[in-house]
Amino acid sequence: MKKRKKKNPVKKLQTKAENLWKKICLKKYGKFCHVKKYYPNINIRHIPITQTDHCISRTNKHFFFDTRNGTPVCASCNMAKAFH
């Protein structure tokens, strides 16, 4: 029988906070891709899976949970950003 590792309580709270941040951003800005809305001429196949992306890098901890730093984008746009 395997022993289950206890999840670090700090990590657990951080995950809850990040999920709450995502929900607030989607509620605040809508559940649609902002790239598609503001840049309709970009030739990309948008999909209905919406994610919340940080405008300012996640490495800047001052803005990590700031809801003004979140933008709803479809998964295609979020992935395309990594390959630009």
PDB file of N, CA and C in Angstrom:
ATOM      1  N   MET A   1       0.847  -1.185   0.000  1.00  0.00           N
ATOM      2  CA  MET A   1       0.000   0.000   0.000  1.00  0.00           C
ATOM      3  C   MET A   1       0.887   1.242   0.000  1.00  0.00           C
ATOM      4  N   LYS A   2       0.613   2.148  -0.938  1.00  0.00           N
ATOM      5  CA  LYS A   2       1.395   3.373  -1.051  1.00  0.00           C
ATOM      6  C   LYS A   2       0.944   4.401  -0.023  1.00  0.00           C
ATOM      7  N   LYS A   3       1.923   5.101   0.517  1.00  0.00           N
ATOM      8  CA  LYS A   3       1.587   6.211   1.401  1.00  0.00           C
ATOM      9  C   LYS A   3       1.361   7.447   0.549  1.00  0.00           C
ATOM     10  N   ARG A   4       0.327   8.183   0.864  1.00  0.00           N
ATOM     11  CA  ARG A   4       0.043   9.411   0.139  1.00  0.00           C
ATOM     12  C   ARG A   4       0.833  10.553   0.756  1.00  0.00           C
ATOM     13  N   LYS A   5       1.459  11.328  -0.106  1.00  0.00           N
ATOM     14  CA  LYS A   5       2.168  12.505   0.365  1.00  0.00           C
ATOM     15  C   LYS A   5       1.165  13.595   0.674  1.00  0.00           C
ATOM     16  N   LYS A   6       1.375  14.272   1.787  1.00  0.00           N
ATOM     17  CA  LYS A   6       0.514  15.401   2.105  1.00  0.00           C
ATOM     18  C   LYS A   6       0.939  16.586   1.263  1.00  0.00           C
ATOM     19  N   LYS A   7      -0.051  17.269   0.719  1.00  0.00           N
ATOM     20  CA  LYS A   7       0.236  18.441  -0.095  1.00  0.00           C
ATOM     21  C   LYS A   7       0.623  19.596   0.824  1.00  0.00           C
ATOM     22  N   ASN A   8       1.641  20.305   0.417  1.00  0.00           N
ATOM     23  CA  ASN A   8       2.107  21.462   1.157  1.00  0.00           C
ATOM     24  C   ASN A   8       0.951  22.456   1.321  1.00  0.00           C
ATOM     25  N   PRO A   9       0.634  22.887   2.563  1.00  0.00           N
ATOM     26  CA  PRO A   9      -0.511  23.788   2.776  1.00  0.00           C
ATOM     27  C   PRO A   9      -0.351  25.128   2.055  1.00  0.00           C
ATOM     28  N   VAL A  10       0.867  25.598   1.887  1.00  0.00           N
ATOM     29  CA  VAL A  10       1.090  26.854   1.175  1.00  0.00           C
ATOM     30  C   VAL A  10       0.751  26.678  -0.303  1.00  0.00           C
ATOM     31  N   LYS A  11       1.187  25.576  -0.887  1.00  0.00           N
ATOM     32  CA  LYS A  11       0.875  25.287  -2.302  1.00  0.00           C
ATOM     33  C   LYS A  11      -0.626  25.145  -2.494  1.00  0.00           C
ATOM     34  N   LYS A  12      -1.280  24.509  -1.526  1.00  0.00           N
ATOM     35  CA  LYS A  12      -2.719  24.303  -1.593  1.00  0.00           C
ATOM     36  C   LYS A  12      -3.460  25.651  -1.611  1.00  0.00           C
ATOM     37  N   LEU A  13      -3.038  26.572  -0.746  1.00  0.00           N
ATOM     38  CA  LEU A  13      -3.651  27.899  -0.703  1.00  0.00           C
ATOM     39  C   LEU A  13      -3.347  28.697  -1.971  1.00  0.00           C
ATOM     40  N   GLN A  14      -2.136  28.559  -2.483  1.00  0.00           N
ATOM     41  CA  GLN A  14      -1.774  29.266  -3.702  1.00  0.00           C
ATOM     42  C   GLN A  14      -2.613  28.787  -4.887  1.00  0.00           C
ATOM     43  N   THR A  15      -2.847  27.491  -4.956  1.00  0.00           N
ATOM     44  CA  THR A  15      -3.681  26.936  -6.025  1.00  0.00           C
ATOM     45  C   THR A  15      -5.114  27.462  -5.914  1.00  0.00           C
ATOM     46  N   LYS A  16      -5.639  27.515  -4.696  1.00  0.00           N
ATOM     47  CA  LYS A  16      -6.995  28.043  -4.487  1.00  0.00           C
ATOM     48  C   LYS A  16      -7.067  29.516  -4.887  1.00  0.00           C
ATOM     49  N   ALA A  17      -6.042  30.285  -4.509  1.00  0.00           N
ATOM     50  CA  ALA A  17      -6.015  31.710  -4.839  1.00  0.00           C
ATOM     51  C   ALA A  17      -5.934  31.924  -6.349  1.00  0.00           C
ATOM     52  N   GLU A  18      -5.130  31.108  -7.032  1.00  0.00           N
ATOM     53  CA  GLU A  18      -5.007  31.246  -8.483  1.00  0.00           C
ATOM     54  C   GLU A  18      -6.322  30.892  -9.180  1.00  0.00           C
ATOM     55  N   ASN A  19      -7.000  29.861  -8.718  1.00  0.00           N
ATOM     56  CA  ASN A  19      -8.298  29.483  -9.299  1.00  0.00           C
ATOM     57  C   ASN A  19      -9.333  30.587  -9.072  1.00  0.00           C
ATOM     58  N   LEU A  20      -9.301  31.209  -7.906  1.00  0.00           N
ATOM     59  CA  LEU A  20     -10.214  32.314  -7.617  1.00  0.00           C
ATOM     60  C   LEU A  20      -9.893  33.508  -8.508  1.00  0.00           C
ATOM     61  N   TRP A  21      -8.606  33.797  -8.713  1.00  0.00           N
ATOM     62  CA  TRP A  21      -8.178  34.889  -9.599  1.00  0.00           C
ATOM     63  C   TRP A  21      -8.722  34.657 -11.010  1.00  0.00           C
ATOM     64  N   LYS A  22      -8.603  33.424 -11.496  1.00  0.00           N
ATOM     65  CA  LYS A  22      -9.098  33.087 -12.831  1.00  0.00           C
ATOM     66  C   LYS A  22     -10.598  33.309 -12.940  1.00  0.00           C
ATOM     67  N   LYS A  23     -11.345  32.851 -11.929  1.00  0.00           N
ATOM     68  CA  LYS A  23     -12.798  33.013 -11.941  1.00  0.00           C
ATOM     69  C   LYS A  23     -13.195  34.483 -11.936  1.00  0.00           C
ATOM     70  N   ILE A  24     -12.497  35.296 -11.136  1.00  0.00           N
ATOM     71  CA  ILE A  24     -12.802  36.724 -11.061  1.00  0.00           C
ATOM     72  C   ILE A  24     -12.520  37.397 -12.404  1.00  0.00           C
ATOM     73  N   CYS A  25     -11.388  37.073 -13.014  1.00  0.00           N
ATOM     74  CA  CYS A  25     -11.041  37.662 -14.315  1.00  0.00           C
ATOM     75  C   CYS A  25     -12.073  37.304 -15.381  1.00  0.00           C
ATOM     76  N   LEU A  26     -12.494  36.050 -15.411  1.00  0.00           N
ATOM     77  CA  LEU A  26     -13.485  35.631 -16.401  1.00  0.00           C
ATOM     78  C   LEU A  26     -14.833  36.305 -16.152  1.00  0.00           C
ATOM     79  N   LYS A  27     -15.183  36.482 -14.891  1.00  0.00           N
ATOM     80  CA  LYS A  27     -16.438  37.156 -14.548  1.00  0.00           C
ATOM     81  C   LYS A  27     -16.363  38.636 -14.933  1.00  0.00           C
ATOM     82  N   LYS A  28     -15.208  39.245 -14.696  1.00  0.00           N
ATOM     83  CA  LYS A  28     -15.011  40.674 -14.946  1.00  0.00           C
ATOM     84  C   LYS A  28     -14.943  41.005 -16.435  1.00  0.00           C
ATOM     85  N   TYR A  29     -14.234  40.190 -17.211  1.00  0.00           N
ATOM     86  CA  TYR A  29     -13.981  40.503 -18.615  1.00  0.00           C
ATOM     87  C   TYR A  29     -14.776  39.660 -19.605  1.00  0.00           C
ATOM     88  N   GLY A  30     -15.484  38.659 -19.138  1.00  0.00           N
ATOM     89  CA  GLY A  30     -16.269  37.806 -20.022  1.00  0.00           C
ATOM     90  C   GLY A  30     -15.509  36.544 -20.393  1.00  0.00           C
ATOM     91  N   LYS A  31     -16.242  35.562 -20.879  1.00  0.00           N
ATOM     92  CA  LYS A  31     -15.649  34.264 -21.216  1.00  0.00           C
ATOM     93  C   LYS A  31     -15.474  34.133 -22.724  1.00  0.00           C
ATOM     94  N   PHE A  32     -14.827  35.123 -23.322  1.00  0.00           N
ATOM     95  CA  PHE A  32     -14.572  35.076 -24.753  1.00  0.00           C
ATOM     96  C   PHE A  32     -13.143  35.543 -24.994  1.00  0.00           C
ATOM     97  N   CYS A  33     -12.593  35.138 -26.095  1.00  0.00           N
ATOM     98  CA  CYS A  33     -11.203  35.445 -26.424  1.00  0.00           C
ATOM     99  C   CYS A  33     -11.044  36.923 -26.786  1.00  0.00           C
ATOM    100  N   HIS A  34     -10.238  37.627 -26.031  1.00  0.00           N
ATOM    101  CA  HIS A  34     -10.016  39.045 -26.304  1.00  0.00           C
ATOM    102  C   HIS A  34      -9.154  39.272 -27.545  1.00  0.00           C
ATOM    103  N   VAL A  35      -8.324  38.306 -27.894  1.00  0.00           N
ATOM    104  CA  VAL A  35      -7.541  38.430 -29.129  1.00  0.00           C
ATOM    105  C   VAL A  35      -8.506  38.439 -30.317  1.00  0.00           C
ATOM    106  N   LYS A  36      -9.464  37.540 -30.290  1.00  0.00           N
ATOM    107  CA  LYS A  36     -10.459  37.463 -31.378  1.00  0.00           C
ATOM    108  C   LYS A  36     -11.291  38.745 -31.434  1.00  0.00           C
ATOM    109  N   LYS A  37     -11.628  39.289 -30.269  1.00  0.00           N
ATOM    110  CA  LYS A  37     -12.459  40.491 -30.208  1.00  0.00           C
ATOM    111  C   LYS A  37     -11.695  41.729 -30.690  1.00  0.00           C
ATOM    112  N   TYR A  38     -10.493  41.931 -30.213  1.00  0.00           N
ATOM    113  CA  TYR A  38      -9.755  43.163 -30.502  1.00  0.00           C
ATOM    114  C   TYR A  38      -8.838  43.069 -31.729  1.00  0.00           C
ATOM    115  N   TYR A  39      -8.488  41.862 -32.141  1.00  0.00           N
ATOM    116  CA  TYR A  39      -7.630  41.664 -33.311  1.00  0.00           C
ATOM    117  C   TYR A  39      -8.250  40.617 -34.247  1.00  0.00           C
ATOM    118  N   PRO A  40      -9.401  40.924 -34.832  1.00  0.00           N
ATOM    119  CA  PRO A  40     -10.100  39.924 -35.656  1.00  0.00           C
ATOM    120  C   PRO A  40      -9.361  39.542 -36.941  1.00  0.00           C
ATOM    121  N   ASN A  41      -8.396  40.348 -37.361  1.00  0.00           N
ATOM    122  CA  ASN A  41      -7.684  40.060 -38.605  1.00  0.00           C
ATOM    123  C   ASN A  41      -6.562  39.042 -38.442  1.00  0.00           C
ATOM    124  N   ILE A  42      -6.238  38.673 -37.201  1.00  0.00           N
ATOM    125  CA  ILE A  42      -5.204  37.661 -36.999  1.00  0.00           C
ATOM    126  C   ILE A  42      -5.763  36.316 -37.448  1.00  0.00           C
ATOM    127  N   ASN A  43      -5.029  35.654 -38.315  1.00  0.00           N
ATOM    128  CA  ASN A  43      -5.481  34.390 -38.892  1.00  0.00           C
ATOM    129  C   ASN A  43      -5.107  33.237 -37.949  1.00  0.00           C
ATOM    130  N   ILE A  44      -6.029  32.879 -37.086  1.00  0.00           N
ATOM    131  CA  ILE A  44      -5.820  31.780 -36.140  1.00  0.00           C
ATOM    132  C   ILE A  44      -7.158  31.096 -35.911  1.00  0.00           C
ATOM    133  N   ARG A  45      -7.119  29.806 -35.737  1.00  0.00           N
ATOM    134  CA  ARG A  45      -8.359  29.061 -35.495  1.00  0.00           C
ATOM    135  C   ARG A  45      -8.663  29.114 -33.995  1.00  0.00           C
ATOM    136  N   HIS A  46      -9.618  29.942 -33.639  1.00  0.00           N
ATOM    137  CA  HIS A  46     -10.005  30.087 -32.232  1.00  0.00           C
ATOM    138  C   HIS A  46     -10.855  28.892 -31.816  1.00  0.00           C
ATOM    139  N   ILE A  47     -10.670  28.457 -30.591  1.00  0.00           N
ATOM    140  CA  ILE A  47     -11.462  27.347 -30.066  1.00  0.00           C
ATOM    141  C   ILE A  47     -12.243  27.828 -28.849  1.00  0.00           C
ATOM    142  N   PRO A  48     -13.315  27.160 -28.493  1.00  0.00           N
ATOM    143  CA  PRO A  48     -14.180  27.646 -27.410  1.00  0.00           C
ATOM    144  C   PRO A  48     -13.629  27.450 -25.992  1.00  0.00           C
ATOM    145  N   ILE A  49     -12.443  26.890 -25.852  1.00  0.00           N
ATOM    146  CA  ILE A  49     -11.863  26.714 -24.514  1.00  0.00           C
ATOM    147  C   ILE A  49     -11.179  28.018 -24.123  1.00  0.00           C
ATOM    148  N   THR A  50     -11.703  28.677 -23.085  1.00  0.00           N
ATOM    149  CA  THR A  50     -11.165  29.961 -22.654  1.00  0.00           C
ATOM    150  C   THR A  50     -10.260  29.782 -21.446  1.00  0.00           C
ATOM    151  N   GLN A  51      -9.121  30.462 -21.494  1.00  0.00           N
ATOM    152  CA  GLN A  51      -8.162  30.449 -20.386  1.00  0.00           C
ATOM    153  C   GLN A  51      -7.904  31.890 -19.967  1.00  0.00           C
ATOM    154  N   THR A  52      -7.356  32.059 -18.793  1.00  0.00           N
ATOM    155  CA  THR A  52      -6.999  33.389 -18.338  1.00  0.00           C
ATOM    156  C   THR A  52      -5.489  33.514 -18.402  1.00  0.00           C
ATOM    157  N   ASP A  53      -5.036  34.542 -19.092  1.00  0.00           N
ATOM    158  CA  ASP A  53      -3.611  34.746 -19.308  1.00  0.00           C
ATOM    159  C   ASP A  53      -3.148  35.997 -18.571  1.00  0.00           C
ATOM    160  N   HIS A  54      -1.924  35.962 -18.066  1.00  0.00           N
ATOM    161  CA  HIS A  54      -1.335  37.137 -17.432  1.00  0.00           C
ATOM    162  C   HIS A  54      -0.788  38.063 -18.518  1.00  0.00           C
ATOM    163  N   CYS A  55      -1.130  39.342 -18.451  1.00  0.00           N
ATOM    164  CA  CYS A  55      -0.580  40.328 -19.397  1.00  0.00           C
ATOM    165  C   CYS A  55       0.877  40.593 -19.041  1.00  0.00           C
ATOM    166  N   ILE A  56       1.121  40.904 -17.777  1.00  0.00           N
ATOM    167  CA  ILE A  56       2.478  41.078 -17.272  1.00  0.00           C
ATOM    168  C   ILE A  56       2.916  39.714 -16.762  1.00  0.00           C
ATOM    169  N   SER A  57       4.129  39.335 -17.046  1.00  0.00           N
ATOM    170  CA  SER A  57       4.641  38.005 -16.736  1.00  0.00           C
ATOM    171  C   SER A  57       4.326  37.545 -15.307  1.00  0.00           C
ATOM    172  N   ARG A  58       4.102  36.253 -15.183  1.00  0.00           N
ATOM    173  CA  ARG A  58       3.832  35.642 -13.874  1.00  0.00           C
ATOM    174  C   ARG A  58       5.027  35.759 -12.937  1.00  0.00           C
ATOM    175  N   THR A  59       6.212  35.989 -13.503  1.00  0.00           N
ATOM    176  CA  THR A  59       7.405  36.105 -12.658  1.00  0.00           C
ATOM    177  C   THR A  59       7.388  37.385 -11.828  1.00  0.00           C
ATOM    178  N   ASN A  60       6.617  38.377 -12.263  1.00  0.00           N
ATOM    179  CA  ASN A  60       6.475  39.604 -11.488  1.00  0.00           C
ATOM    180  C   ASN A  60       5.392  39.371 -10.432  1.00  0.00           C
ATOM    181  N   LYS A  61       5.816  39.018  -9.246  1.00  0.00           N
ATOM    182  CA  LYS A  61       4.878  38.618  -8.181  1.00  0.00           C
ATOM    183  C   LYS A  61       3.973  39.748  -7.715  1.00  0.00           C
ATOM    184  N   HIS A  62       4.339  41.015  -7.979  1.00  0.00           N
ATOM    185  CA  HIS A  62       3.506  42.141  -7.558  1.00  0.00           C
ATOM    186  C   HIS A  62       2.167  42.158  -8.286  1.00  0.00           C
ATOM    187  N   PHE A  63       2.143  41.630  -9.493  1.00  0.00           N
ATOM    188  CA  PHE A  63       0.920  41.652 -10.300  1.00  0.00           C
ATOM    189  C   PHE A  63       0.301  40.276 -10.488  1.00  0.00           C
ATOM    190  N   PHE A  64       0.836  39.279  -9.814  1.00  0.00           N
ATOM    191  CA  PHE A  64       0.384  37.895 -10.037  1.00  0.00           C
ATOM    192  C   PHE A  64      -1.114  37.734  -9.813  1.00  0.00           C
ATOM    193  N   PHE A  65      -1.650  38.255  -8.714  1.00  0.00           N
ATOM    194  CA  PHE A  65      -3.071  38.091  -8.405  1.00  0.00           C
ATOM    195  C   PHE A  65      -3.889  39.360  -8.648  1.00  0.00           C
ATOM    196  N   ASP A  66      -3.331  40.305  -9.370  1.00  0.00           N
ATOM    197  CA  ASP A  66      -4.054  41.525  -9.706  1.00  0.00           C
ATOM    198  C   ASP A  66      -5.001  41.209 -10.863  1.00  0.00           C
ATOM    199  N   THR A  67      -6.289  41.405 -10.665  1.00  0.00           N
ATOM    200  CA  THR A  67      -7.262  41.045 -11.706  1.00  0.00           C
ATOM    201  C   THR A  67      -7.138  41.924 -12.942  1.00  0.00           C
ATOM    202  N   ARG A  68      -6.497  43.096 -12.821  1.00  0.00           N
ATOM    203  CA  ARG A  68      -6.272  43.932 -14.005  1.00  0.00           C
ATOM    204  C   ARG A  68      -5.197  43.329 -14.904  1.00  0.00           C
ATOM    205  N   ASN A  69      -4.485  42.331 -14.394  1.00  0.00           N
ATOM    206  CA  ASN A  69      -3.416  41.682 -15.147  1.00  0.00           C
ATOM    207  C   ASN A  69      -3.896  40.403 -15.840  1.00  0.00           C
ATOM    208  N   GLY A  70      -5.176  40.133 -15.805  1.00  0.00           N
ATOM    209  CA  GLY A  70      -5.711  38.922 -16.425  1.00  0.00           C
ATOM    210  C   GLY A  70      -6.507  39.222 -17.676  1.00  0.00           C
ATOM    211  N   THR A  71      -6.323  38.415 -18.699  1.00  0.00           N
ATOM    212  CA  THR A  71      -7.051  38.572 -19.950  1.00  0.00           C
ATOM    213  C   THR A  71      -7.563  37.221 -20.411  1.00  0.00           C
ATOM    214  N   PRO A  72      -8.856  37.115 -20.704  1.00  0.00           N
ATOM    215  CA  PRO A  72      -9.375  35.861 -21.245  1.00  0.00           C
ATOM    216  C   PRO A  72      -8.944  35.680 -22.699  1.00  0.00           C
ATOM    217  N   VAL A  73      -8.372  34.537 -22.990  1.00  0.00           N
ATOM    218  CA  VAL A  73      -7.970  34.189 -24.354  1.00  0.00           C
ATOM    219  C   VAL A  73      -8.338  32.733 -24.592  1.00  0.00           C
ATOM    220  N   CYS A  74      -8.523  32.388 -25.863  1.00  0.00           N
ATOM    221  CA  CYS A  74      -8.793  30.980 -26.155  1.00  0.00           C
ATOM    222  C   CYS A  74      -7.472  30.212 -26.055  1.00  0.00           C
ATOM    223  N   ALA A  75      -7.571  28.929 -25.914  1.00  0.00           N
ATOM    224  CA  ALA A  75      -6.374  28.092 -25.746  1.00  0.00           C
ATOM    225  C   ALA A  75      -5.443  28.202 -26.950  1.00  0.00           C
ATOM    226  N   SER A  76      -5.992  28.388 -28.139  1.00  0.00           N
ATOM    227  CA  SER A  76      -5.166  28.527 -29.346  1.00  0.00           C
ATOM    228  C   SER A  76      -4.299  29.779 -29.278  1.00  0.00           C
ATOM    229  N   CYS A  77      -4.887  30.888 -28.878  1.00  0.00           N
ATOM    230  CA  CYS A  77      -4.136  32.139 -28.777  1.00  0.00           C
ATOM    231  C   CYS A  77      -3.082  32.063 -27.668  1.00  0.00           C
ATOM    232  N   ASN A  78      -3.452  31.442 -26.574  1.00  0.00           N
ATOM    233  CA  ASN A  78      -2.508  31.300 -25.477  1.00  0.00           C
ATOM    234  C   ASN A  78      -1.303  30.447 -25.898  1.00  0.00           C
ATOM    235  N   MET A  79      -1.547  29.386 -26.655  1.00  0.00           N
ATOM    236  CA  MET A  79      -0.465  28.539 -27.122  1.00  0.00           C
ATOM    237  C   MET A  79       0.370  29.257 -28.188  1.00  0.00           C
ATOM    238  N   ALA A  80      -0.292  29.998 -29.060  1.00  0.00           N
ATOM    239  CA  ALA A  80       0.417  30.715 -30.133  1.00  0.00           C
ATOM    240  C   ALA A  80       1.375  31.749 -29.566  1.00  0.00           C
ATOM    241  N   LYS A  81       1.025  32.308 -28.432  1.00  0.00           N
ATOM    242  CA  LYS A  81       1.877  33.305 -27.786  1.00  0.00           C
ATOM    243  C   LYS A  81       3.242  32.723 -27.431  1.00  0.00           C
ATOM    244  N   ALA A  82       3.267  31.465 -27.084  1.00  0.00           N
ATOM    245  CA  ALA A  82       4.516  30.815 -26.691  1.00  0.00           C
ATOM    246  C   ALA A  82       5.444  30.593 -27.882  1.00  0.00           C
ATOM    247  N   PHE A  83       4.888  30.579 -29.105  1.00  0.00           N
ATOM    248  CA  PHE A  83       5.677  30.295 -30.298  1.00  0.00           C
ATOM    249  C   PHE A  83       5.940  31.501 -31.181  1.00  0.00           C
ATOM    250  N   HIS A  84       5.645  32.699 -30.675  1.00  0.00           N
ATOM    251  CA  HIS A  84       5.843  33.891 -31.520  1.00  0.00           C
ATOM    252  C   HIS A  84       7.294  34.255 -31.668  1.00  0.00           C
TER     253      HIS A  84
END
